[in-house]
């Protein structure tokens, strides 16, 4: 599989006149699929960080058991439910990205994303059950 080099850029801002949320709200309409990640409120001010990520170059999504992967060159893969081990797929997916250096004490790779709580059953021996209320909300 082709390797992709990731070069991360960043800008450090003091949040005294603006907040990460206000910056994100201005960017999300310009850059679809933007992402705001913030560290816990329980950290000290020195360790508190926010990441605003724009213009995703790649993606991995799992919906209804179907796994879709998209790579920077436009190549796409789809895996049917039950035909994959999610942890193996994620590790293989991440292995195609090479990062330069990293930014000490801030970020290490430049790859950002998230898992929703529904993903837990792919990492633990827990099975989630959909309630009748959830079924009604899906209609």
C-alpha atoms as a PDB file:
ATOM      1  CA  UNK A   1       0.000   0.000   0.000  1.00  0.00           C
ATOM      2  CA  UNK A   2       1.179   3.497  -0.817  1.00  0.00           C
ATOM      3  CA  UNK A   3       2.571   5.595   2.051  1.00  0.00           C
ATOM      4  CA  UNK A   4       1.413   9.164   2.632  1.00  0.00           C
ATOM      5  CA  UNK A   5       3.598  11.786   4.299  1.00  0.00           C
ATOM      6  CA  UNK A   6       1.842  14.009   6.847  1.00  0.00           C
ATOM      7  CA  UNK A   7       3.245  17.447   7.607  1.00  0.00           C
ATOM      8  CA  UNK A   8       1.368  19.137  10.431  1.00  0.00           C
ATOM      9  CA  UNK A   9       1.047  22.898  10.691  1.00  0.00           C
ATOM     10  CA  UNK A  10      -0.230  24.699  13.735  1.00  0.00           C
ATOM     11  CA  UNK A  11      -0.760  28.123  15.194  1.00  0.00           C
ATOM     12  CA  UNK A  12      -0.644  28.769  18.912  1.00  0.00           C
ATOM     13  CA  UNK A  13      -3.116  31.392  20.135  1.00  0.00           C
ATOM     14  CA  UNK A  14      -3.853  32.718  23.567  1.00  0.00           C
ATOM     15  CA  UNK A  15      -7.536  32.381  24.323  1.00  0.00           C
ATOM     16  CA  UNK A  16      -7.913  35.731  26.070  1.00  0.00           C
ATOM     17  CA  UNK A  17      -9.833  37.559  23.323  1.00  0.00           C
ATOM     18  CA  UNK A  18     -11.349  34.644  21.464  1.00  0.00           C
ATOM     19  CA  UNK A  19     -12.257  31.068  22.283  1.00  0.00           C
ATOM     20  CA  UNK A  20     -11.636  27.824  20.410  1.00  0.00           C
ATOM     21  CA  UNK A  21     -15.398  27.416  20.025  1.00  0.00           C
ATOM     22  CA  UNK A  22     -15.789  30.857  18.432  1.00  0.00           C
ATOM     23  CA  UNK A  23     -12.958  30.110  15.981  1.00  0.00           C
ATOM     24  CA  UNK A  24     -14.461  26.717  15.167  1.00  0.00           C
ATOM     25  CA  UNK A  25     -17.918  28.227  14.581  1.00  0.00           C
ATOM     26  CA  UNK A  26     -16.425  30.616  12.022  1.00  0.00           C
ATOM     27  CA  UNK A  27     -14.493  27.866  10.237  1.00  0.00           C
ATOM     28  CA  UNK A  28     -17.065  25.061  10.119  1.00  0.00           C
ATOM     29  CA  UNK A  29     -19.206  26.798   7.490  1.00  0.00           C
ATOM     30  CA  UNK A  30     -16.190  27.403   5.258  1.00  0.00           C
ATOM     31  CA  UNK A  31     -14.585  23.982   5.756  1.00  0.00           C
ATOM     32  CA  UNK A  32     -17.070  21.067   5.812  1.00  0.00           C
ATOM     33  CA  UNK A  33     -16.173  18.173   8.137  1.00  0.00           C
ATOM     34  CA  UNK A  34     -14.164  20.430  10.441  1.00  0.00           C
ATOM     35  CA  UNK A  35     -13.463  19.055  13.885  1.00  0.00           C
ATOM     36  CA  UNK A  36     -12.981  20.668  17.304  1.00  0.00           C
ATOM     37  CA  UNK A  37     -11.248  18.587  19.961  1.00  0.00           C
ATOM     38  CA  UNK A  38     -10.619  20.000  23.420  1.00  0.00           C
ATOM     39  CA  UNK A  39      -8.726  18.622  26.378  1.00  0.00           C
ATOM     40  CA  UNK A  40     -10.465  18.055  29.667  1.00  0.00           C
ATOM     41  CA  UNK A  41     -11.594  20.996  31.787  1.00  0.00           C
ATOM     42  CA  UNK A  42      -9.847  19.327  34.709  1.00  0.00           C
ATOM     43  CA  UNK A  43      -6.357  19.970  33.363  1.00  0.00           C
ATOM     44  CA  UNK A  44      -4.336  22.924  34.499  1.00  0.00           C
ATOM     45  CA  UNK A  45      -4.352  25.954  32.233  1.00  0.00           C
ATOM     46  CA  UNK A  46      -0.839  25.142  30.965  1.00  0.00           C
ATOM     47  CA  UNK A  47      -1.937  21.706  29.760  1.00  0.00           C
ATOM     48  CA  UNK A  48      -5.268  22.748  28.290  1.00  0.00           C
ATOM     49  CA  UNK A  49      -5.326  22.440  24.504  1.00  0.00           C
ATOM     50  CA  UNK A  50      -7.833  22.675  21.702  1.00  0.00           C
ATOM     51  CA  UNK A  51      -7.397  21.349  18.195  1.00  0.00           C
ATOM     52  CA  UNK A  52      -9.378  22.683  15.262  1.00  0.00           C
ATOM     53  CA  UNK A  53      -8.912  20.447  12.253  1.00  0.00           C
ATOM     54  CA  UNK A  54      -9.998  21.478   8.757  1.00  0.00           C
ATOM     55  CA  UNK A  55     -10.077  19.897   5.322  1.00  0.00           C
ATOM     56  CA  UNK A  56      -9.733  16.180   6.075  1.00  0.00           C
ATOM     57  CA  UNK A  57      -7.438  14.428   3.625  1.00  0.00           C
ATOM     58  CA  UNK A  58      -8.557  10.935   4.523  1.00  0.00           C
ATOM     59  CA  UNK A  59     -11.289   9.209   6.450  1.00  0.00           C
ATOM     60  CA  UNK A  60     -12.519   6.092   8.178  1.00  0.00           C
ATOM     61  CA  UNK A  61     -16.175   5.591   9.066  1.00  0.00           C
ATOM     62  CA  UNK A  62     -18.236   2.719  10.390  1.00  0.00           C
ATOM     63  CA  UNK A  63     -21.993   2.976   9.881  1.00  0.00           C
ATOM     64  CA  UNK A  64     -24.452   0.138  10.258  1.00  0.00           C
ATOM     65  CA  UNK A  65     -21.623  -2.384  10.297  1.00  0.00           C
ATOM     66  CA  UNK A  66     -20.209  -1.194   6.958  1.00  0.00           C
ATOM     67  CA  UNK A  67     -16.668   0.158   7.153  1.00  0.00           C
ATOM     68  CA  UNK A  68     -15.520   2.748   4.616  1.00  0.00           C
ATOM     69  CA  UNK A  69     -11.957   3.959   4.180  1.00  0.00           C
ATOM     70  CA  UNK A  70     -10.892   6.901   2.019  1.00  0.00           C
ATOM     71  CA  UNK A  71      -7.273   7.761   1.235  1.00  0.00           C
ATOM     72  CA  UNK A  72      -5.626  11.025   0.115  1.00  0.00           C
ATOM     73  CA  UNK A  73      -5.237   9.807  -3.480  1.00  0.00           C
ATOM     74  CA  UNK A  74      -9.000   9.252  -3.796  1.00  0.00           C
ATOM     75  CA  UNK A  75      -8.794   5.478  -3.377  1.00  0.00           C
ATOM     76  CA  UNK A  76     -11.691   4.027  -1.373  1.00  0.00           C
ATOM     77  CA  UNK A  77     -12.343   0.698   0.330  1.00  0.00           C
ATOM     78  CA  UNK A  78     -15.550  -0.752   1.725  1.00  0.00           C
ATOM     79  CA  UNK A  79     -15.757  -3.718   4.079  1.00  0.00           C
ATOM     80  CA  UNK A  80     -19.022  -5.520   4.809  1.00  0.00           C
ATOM     81  CA  UNK A  81     -20.204  -6.098   8.361  1.00  0.00           C
ATOM     82  CA  UNK A  82     -18.545  -9.098   9.990  1.00  0.00           C
ATOM     83  CA  UNK A  83     -15.720  -9.299   7.434  1.00  0.00           C
ATOM     84  CA  UNK A  84     -13.143  -7.372   9.439  1.00  0.00           C
ATOM     85  CA  UNK A  85     -11.530  -6.890  12.834  1.00  0.00           C
ATOM     86  CA  UNK A  86     -11.854  -3.151  13.489  1.00  0.00           C
ATOM     87  CA  UNK A  87      -8.663  -2.832  15.529  1.00  0.00           C
ATOM     88  CA  UNK A  88      -6.616  -4.521  12.783  1.00  0.00           C
ATOM     89  CA  UNK A  89      -8.182  -2.318  10.105  1.00  0.00           C
ATOM     90  CA  UNK A  90      -7.471   0.847  12.113  1.00  0.00           C
ATOM     91  CA  UNK A  91      -3.846  -0.177  12.714  1.00  0.00           C
ATOM     92  CA  UNK A  92      -3.352  -0.979   9.018  1.00  0.00           C
ATOM     93  CA  UNK A  93      -5.029   2.290   8.048  1.00  0.00           C
ATOM     94  CA  UNK A  94      -2.795   4.341  10.346  1.00  0.00           C
ATOM     95  CA  UNK A  95       0.333   2.535   9.126  1.00  0.00           C
ATOM     96  CA  UNK A  96       0.059   4.087   5.643  1.00  0.00           C
ATOM     97  CA  UNK A  97       0.711   7.551   7.084  1.00  0.00           C
ATOM     98  CA  UNK A  98       4.235   8.749   7.815  1.00  0.00           C
ATOM     99  CA  UNK A  99       4.690  11.816   9.953  1.00  0.00           C
ATOM    100  CA  UNK A 100       7.540  14.274   9.982  1.00  0.00           C
ATOM    101  CA  UNK A 101       8.973  15.035  13.372  1.00  0.00           C
ATOM    102  CA  UNK A 102       5.890  16.052  15.244  1.00  0.00           C
ATOM    103  CA  UNK A 103       5.527  19.128  17.364  1.00  0.00           C
ATOM    104  CA  UNK A 104       6.991  18.574  20.829  1.00  0.00           C
ATOM    105  CA  UNK A 105       4.558  18.741  23.753  1.00  0.00           C
ATOM    106  CA  UNK A 106       1.639  19.604  21.492  1.00  0.00           C
ATOM    107  CA  UNK A 107       0.824  16.866  19.001  1.00  0.00           C
ATOM    108  CA  UNK A 108       2.677  13.834  17.811  1.00  0.00           C
ATOM    109  CA  UNK A 109       1.333  12.871  14.414  1.00  0.00           C
ATOM    110  CA  UNK A 110      -1.167  15.249  12.900  1.00  0.00           C
ATOM    111  CA  UNK A 111      -3.811  12.541  12.585  1.00  0.00           C
ATOM    112  CA  UNK A 112      -7.005  13.528  14.363  1.00  0.00           C
ATOM    113  CA  UNK A 113     -10.386  11.941  14.764  1.00  0.00           C
ATOM    114  CA  UNK A 114     -12.844  10.486  17.181  1.00  0.00           C
ATOM    115  CA  UNK A 115     -14.956   7.442  17.956  1.00  0.00           C
ATOM    116  CA  UNK A 116     -18.524   7.718  19.158  1.00  0.00           C
ATOM    117  CA  UNK A 117     -19.746   5.701  22.119  1.00  0.00           C
ATOM    118  CA  UNK A 118     -21.325   3.121  19.791  1.00  0.00           C
ATOM    119  CA  UNK A 119     -17.825   1.962  18.814  1.00  0.00           C
ATOM    120  CA  UNK A 120     -17.299   0.419  22.258  1.00  0.00           C
ATOM    121  CA  UNK A 121     -18.714  -2.922  21.156  1.00  0.00           C
ATOM    122  CA  UNK A 122     -15.878  -3.206  18.611  1.00  0.00           C
ATOM    123  CA  UNK A 123     -13.237  -2.776  21.315  1.00  0.00           C
ATOM    124  CA  UNK A 124     -14.833  -4.469  24.321  1.00  0.00           C
ATOM    125  CA  UNK A 125     -17.060  -7.497  24.958  1.00  0.00           C
ATOM    126  CA  UNK A 126     -20.118  -5.264  25.254  1.00  0.00           C
ATOM    127  CA  UNK A 127     -23.162  -5.433  22.996  1.00  0.00           C
ATOM    128  CA  UNK A 128     -25.394  -2.378  22.764  1.00  0.00           C
ATOM    129  CA  UNK A 129     -29.145  -2.775  22.425  1.00  0.00           C
ATOM    130  CA  UNK A 130     -31.355  -0.267  20.684  1.00  0.00           C
ATOM    131  CA  UNK A 131     -34.386   0.731  22.745  1.00  0.00           C
ATOM    132  CA  UNK A 132     -37.866   1.357  21.340  1.00  0.00           C
ATOM    133  CA  UNK A 133     -37.356   5.092  21.961  1.00  0.00           C
ATOM    134  CA  UNK A 134     -34.215   5.066  19.808  1.00  0.00           C
ATOM    135  CA  UNK A 135     -36.082   3.244  17.038  1.00  0.00           C
ATOM    136  CA  UNK A 136     -38.802   5.919  17.064  1.00  0.00           C
ATOM    137  CA  UNK A 137     -36.199   8.696  16.841  1.00  0.00           C
ATOM    138  CA  UNK A 138     -34.597   7.116  13.773  1.00  0.00           C
ATOM    139  CA  UNK A 139     -37.813   7.434  11.740  1.00  0.00           C
END
